């Protein structure tokens, strides 16, 4: 019996107006028997890709990790497990660029309009609330919105174009979080007598000042701050020493 999640694909493939083409496709199917274990067979096929030997191992591990992540998401969402060749190629190109050379990424975004900024302010997003609870001024919030919007746009376009891989972005965010955590600990020791709001500002400013590089590419100045705001929006980092409790108070 065919599961409901696959039924629509089967019906589409064998629709009356495509029946002849479907039969021709099936006639050209080729069955390959896995002589070695599955992992060895996949790796042997990947070795034929033409990727230089000195970088093929990390690229192989990266693409396997990307596939595993996508399959897990599809299973969790009860979706058919389908990864298009186009998406695979985009990710493979991104991984190749990661390990082959360091290059500068050109921004595609532009500064948001006054209307876009006002719309973002009205949404009362968490990353703005994080700035409000450490008493950041209006100008600082506008700068944050600019960086947040531009970083969101560019990371999406770069990923779609294969300019950065999900592994690069994942690694970069981990670097940002480690830097934030270290600064937070230092400030809480060196400035323990300051008000929590002042401690929060110090954490925020230090994180903005520290330059964290993405391993494979150079990114525009606004991108790091924008990524910090993306993390702050998801409460993965925070500026106030008790930011989780403070955000909960505001939301309640």
Protein backbone atom coordinates (compact mmCIF):
# COMPACT_ATOMS: atom_id res chain seq x y z
CA UNK A 1 0.00 0.00 0.00
CA UNK A 2 1.24 3.51 -0.85
CA UNK A 3 1.34 6.00 2.01
CA UNK A 4 -0.70 9.20 1.68
CA UNK A 5 2.45 11.34 1.69
CA UNK A 6 3.64 9.62 -1.53
CA UNK A 7 0.28 9.06 -3.20
CA UNK A 8 0.08 12.52 -4.82
CA UNK A 9 3.52 12.09 -6.39
CA UNK A 10 2.62 8.67 -7.84
CA UNK A 11 -0.68 9.99 -9.21
CA UNK A 12 1.05 12.99 -10.77
CA UNK A 13 3.77 10.82 -12.34
CA UNK A 14 1.29 8.35 -13.85
CA UNK A 15 -1.32 10.90 -14.98
CA UNK A 16 -2.95 9.99 -18.29
CA UNK A 17 -1.23 12.75 -20.26
CA UNK A 18 2.18 11.64 -18.93
CA UNK A 19 1.69 7.87 -19.00
CA UNK A 20 3.81 7.24 -22.11
CA UNK A 21 6.69 9.35 -20.81
CA UNK A 22 6.46 7.68 -17.38
CA UNK A 23 6.78 4.24 -18.98
CA UNK A 24 9.83 5.33 -20.99
CA UNK A 25 11.47 6.66 -17.84
CA UNK A 26 10.84 3.40 -15.99
CA UNK A 27 12.24 1.40 -18.91
CA UNK A 28 15.49 3.33 -18.52
CA UNK A 29 15.80 2.68 -14.79
CA UNK A 30 19.03 1.00 -13.76
CA UNK A 31 19.35 -1.17 -10.67
CA UNK A 32 22.67 -0.94 -8.89
CA UNK A 33 23.51 -3.56 -6.31
CA UNK A 34 25.53 -2.41 -3.33
CA UNK A 35 28.49 -4.81 -3.18
CA UNK A 36 30.29 -3.04 -0.33
CA UNK A 37 28.39 -1.56 2.57
CA UNK A 38 26.26 1.47 1.76
CA UNK A 39 28.64 4.06 3.24
CA UNK A 40 31.62 2.77 1.24
CA UNK A 41 29.59 2.69 -1.98
CA UNK A 42 28.38 6.28 -1.54
CA UNK A 43 31.91 7.46 -0.80
CA UNK A 44 33.29 5.71 -3.90
CA UNK A 45 30.71 7.47 -6.06
CA UNK A 46 31.50 10.81 -4.42
CA UNK A 47 35.21 10.32 -5.11
CA UNK A 48 34.36 10.50 -8.84
CA UNK A 49 33.16 14.12 -8.46
CA UNK A 50 36.51 15.61 -9.42
CA UNK A 51 36.97 17.47 -6.13
CA UNK A 52 40.69 17.77 -5.22
CA UNK A 53 41.91 15.05 -2.84
CA UNK A 54 43.13 17.52 -0.20
CA UNK A 55 39.64 18.94 0.41
CA UNK A 56 37.31 16.11 -0.56
CA UNK A 57 37.00 14.65 2.96
CA UNK A 58 35.55 17.76 4.71
CA UNK A 59 33.30 18.45 1.71
CA UNK A 60 32.01 14.87 1.78
CA UNK A 61 31.30 15.08 5.52
CA UNK A 62 29.61 18.44 4.99
CA UNK A 63 27.26 17.22 2.25
CA UNK A 64 26.38 14.09 4.26
CA UNK A 65 25.57 16.31 7.25
CA UNK A 66 23.42 18.57 5.08
CA UNK A 67 21.50 15.59 3.67
CA UNK A 68 21.00 14.15 7.15
CA UNK A 69 19.66 17.47 8.45
CA UNK A 70 17.21 17.81 5.55
CA UNK A 71 15.99 14.22 5.87
CA UNK A 72 15.43 14.68 9.61
CA UNK A 73 13.35 17.82 9.00
CA UNK A 74 11.26 16.06 6.34
CA UNK A 75 10.59 13.11 8.64
CA UNK A 76 9.62 15.44 11.51
CA UNK A 77 7.20 17.31 9.22
CA UNK A 78 5.76 14.08 7.73
CA UNK A 79 6.98 15.13 4.28
CA UNK A 80 8.14 12.92 1.43
CA UNK A 81 11.91 12.51 1.59
CA UNK A 82 12.93 14.28 -1.62
CA UNK A 83 16.08 16.34 -2.16
CA UNK A 84 16.33 17.96 -5.57
CA UNK A 85 19.52 17.67 -7.59
CA UNK A 86 19.52 21.47 -7.97
CA UNK A 87 19.57 22.00 -4.18
CA UNK A 88 22.26 19.35 -3.82
CA UNK A 89 24.42 21.10 -6.43
CA UNK A 90 23.96 24.49 -4.75
CA UNK A 91 25.09 23.10 -1.41
CA UNK A 92 28.00 21.21 -2.97
CA UNK A 93 29.23 24.37 -4.72
CA UNK A 94 28.97 26.29 -1.44
CA UNK A 95 31.01 23.66 0.40
CA UNK A 96 33.61 23.65 -2.37
CA UNK A 97 33.99 27.40 -2.09
CA UNK A 98 34.27 27.09 1.70
CA UNK A 99 37.30 24.86 1.48
CA UNK A 100 38.85 25.94 -1.81
CA UNK A 101 39.45 29.62 -1.22
CA UNK A 102 38.49 32.61 0.88
CA UNK A 103 36.50 35.20 -1.01
CA UNK A 104 34.53 38.34 -0.22
CA UNK A 105 30.76 38.23 -0.35
CA UNK A 106 29.10 41.23 -1.93
CA UNK A 107 25.92 42.45 -0.24
CA UNK A 108 22.67 42.27 -2.18
CA UNK A 109 20.66 44.19 0.40
CA UNK A 110 20.26 47.95 0.69
CA UNK A 111 19.42 50.09 3.68
CA UNK A 112 15.75 49.65 4.58
CA UNK A 113 13.37 52.53 3.97
CA UNK A 114 11.82 54.60 6.77
CA UNK A 115 8.57 52.70 6.24
CA UNK A 116 10.30 49.32 6.56
CA UNK A 117 12.02 50.50 9.74
CA UNK A 118 8.75 51.70 11.26
CA UNK A 119 7.03 48.43 10.35
CA UNK A 120 9.84 46.52 12.06
CA UNK A 121 9.54 48.69 15.18
CA UNK A 122 5.80 48.08 15.36
CA UNK A 123 6.27 44.31 15.27
CA UNK A 124 7.95 44.50 18.71
CA UNK A 125 10.38 41.73 17.87
CA UNK A 126 12.42 40.14 20.63
CA UNK A 127 15.77 41.53 19.47
CA UNK A 128 14.39 45.08 19.84
CA UNK A 129 12.97 44.25 23.28
CA UNK A 130 16.43 42.99 24.23
CA UNK A 131 17.81 46.46 23.48
CA UNK A 132 14.99 48.21 25.31
CA UNK A 133 15.61 46.36 28.57
CA UNK A 134 19.20 47.66 28.65
CA UNK A 135 17.98 51.20 27.86
CA UNK A 136 19.42 51.55 24.36
CA UNK A 137 18.35 54.75 22.63
CA UNK A 138 16.28 55.18 19.48
CA UNK A 139 19.31 55.56 17.20
CA UNK A 140 20.76 52.28 18.43
CA UNK A 141 17.48 50.51 17.74
CA UNK A 142 17.36 51.93 14.21
CA UNK A 143 20.93 50.73 13.59
CA UNK A 144 19.96 47.29 14.90
CA UNK A 145 16.95 47.11 12.58
CA UNK A 146 19.11 48.07 9.61
CA UNK A 147 21.66 45.36 10.41
CA UNK A 148 18.99 42.75 11.19
CA UNK A 149 17.07 43.25 7.94
CA UNK A 150 20.16 43.40 5.73
CA UNK A 151 21.78 40.34 7.31
CA UNK A 152 18.52 38.37 6.98
CA UNK A 153 18.25 39.22 3.28
CA UNK A 154 21.89 38.58 2.41
CA UNK A 155 22.30 35.28 4.24
CA UNK A 156 19.22 33.96 2.41
CA UNK A 157 20.46 35.09 -1.01
CA UNK A 158 24.00 33.84 -0.38
CA UNK A 159 22.69 30.44 0.69
CA UNK A 160 20.36 30.20 -2.32
CA UNK A 161 23.23 31.12 -4.65
CA UNK A 162 25.57 28.59 -3.07
CA UNK A 163 27.92 31.33 -1.82
CA UNK A 164 27.85 30.00 1.75
CA UNK A 165 26.99 26.56 3.05
CA UNK A 166 24.78 25.71 6.00
CA UNK A 167 27.92 24.41 7.75
CA UNK A 168 29.66 27.79 7.39
CA UNK A 169 26.65 29.61 8.78
CA UNK A 170 26.25 27.11 11.60
CA UNK A 171 29.94 27.40 12.51
CA UNK A 172 29.81 31.20 12.33
CA UNK A 173 26.85 31.39 14.70
CA UNK A 174 28.65 29.10 17.15
CA UNK A 175 31.64 31.46 17.06
CA UNK A 176 29.37 34.41 17.79
CA UNK A 177 27.76 32.61 20.72
CA UNK A 178 31.12 31.60 22.20
CA UNK A 179 32.42 35.17 21.91
CA UNK A 180 29.24 36.52 23.53
CA UNK A 181 29.43 34.02 26.39
CA UNK A 182 33.08 34.85 27.09
CA UNK A 183 32.45 38.61 27.08
CA UNK A 184 29.47 38.15 29.37
CA UNK A 185 31.53 36.21 31.92
CA UNK A 186 34.39 38.73 31.87
CA UNK A 187 32.07 41.72 32.25
CA UNK A 188 30.15 40.10 35.11
CA UNK A 189 33.47 39.73 36.97
CA UNK A 190 35.13 43.04 36.07
CA UNK A 191 31.98 45.15 36.34
CA UNK A 192 30.06 43.30 39.04
CA UNK A 193 29.15 46.54 40.85
CA UNK A 194 27.54 48.14 37.80
CA UNK A 195 23.78 48.23 37.31
CA UNK A 196 22.43 45.28 35.25
CA UNK A 197 21.46 47.66 32.43
CA UNK A 198 25.01 49.01 32.26
CA UNK A 199 26.43 45.50 32.32
CA UNK A 200 24.09 44.63 29.45
CA UNK A 201 25.26 47.61 27.40
CA UNK A 202 28.87 46.61 27.93
CA UNK A 203 28.13 43.07 26.72
CA UNK A 204 26.28 44.43 23.69
CA UNK A 205 28.96 46.96 22.74
CA UNK A 206 31.80 44.47 23.21
CA UNK A 207 30.07 41.95 20.95
CA UNK A 208 29.61 44.63 18.31
CA UNK A 209 33.26 45.67 18.54
CA UNK A 210 34.81 42.20 18.38
CA UNK A 211 35.36 41.09 14.79
CA UNK A 212 34.40 37.45 14.28
CA UNK A 213 35.42 36.06 10.91
CA UNK A 214 33.61 33.44 8.91
CA UNK A 215 36.15 30.75 8.11
CA UNK A 216 35.75 30.66 4.33
CA UNK A 217 34.53 34.12 3.32
CA UNK A 218 34.75 37.80 4.17
CA UNK A 219 31.40 39.40 5.01
CA UNK A 220 30.27 43.07 5.14
CA UNK A 221 30.54 44.97 8.45
CA UNK A 222 26.81 45.00 9.16
CA UNK A 223 26.50 41.23 8.79
CA UNK A 224 28.01 40.26 12.15
CA UNK A 225 25.78 42.63 14.11
CA UNK A 226 22.77 41.52 12.11
CA UNK A 227 23.52 37.88 12.93
CA UNK A 228 23.83 38.75 16.60
CA UNK A 229 20.37 40.30 16.45
CA UNK A 230 19.05 37.18 14.73
CA UNK A 231 20.43 35.12 17.63
CA UNK A 232 19.02 37.61 20.14
CA UNK A 233 15.63 37.36 18.45
CA UNK A 234 15.68 33.60 19.13
CA UNK A 235 16.99 34.16 22.70
CA UNK A 236 20.18 32.24 21.90
CA UNK A 237 22.12 35.26 23.18
CA UNK A 238 21.06 38.19 25.35
CA UNK A 239 22.43 41.47 26.64
CA UNK A 240 20.86 41.98 30.06
CA UNK A 241 22.42 39.60 32.65
CA UNK A 242 18.92 38.22 33.34
CA UNK A 243 17.62 38.62 29.80
CA UNK A 244 15.47 35.46 29.81
CA UNK A 245 13.60 36.55 32.94
CA UNK A 246 13.26 40.12 31.69
CA UNK A 247 11.90 39.05 28.31
CA UNK A 248 9.40 36.76 30.04
CA UNK A 249 8.20 39.67 32.19
CA UNK A 250 7.69 41.85 29.11
CA UNK A 251 5.86 39.11 27.18
CA UNK A 252 3.61 38.30 30.14
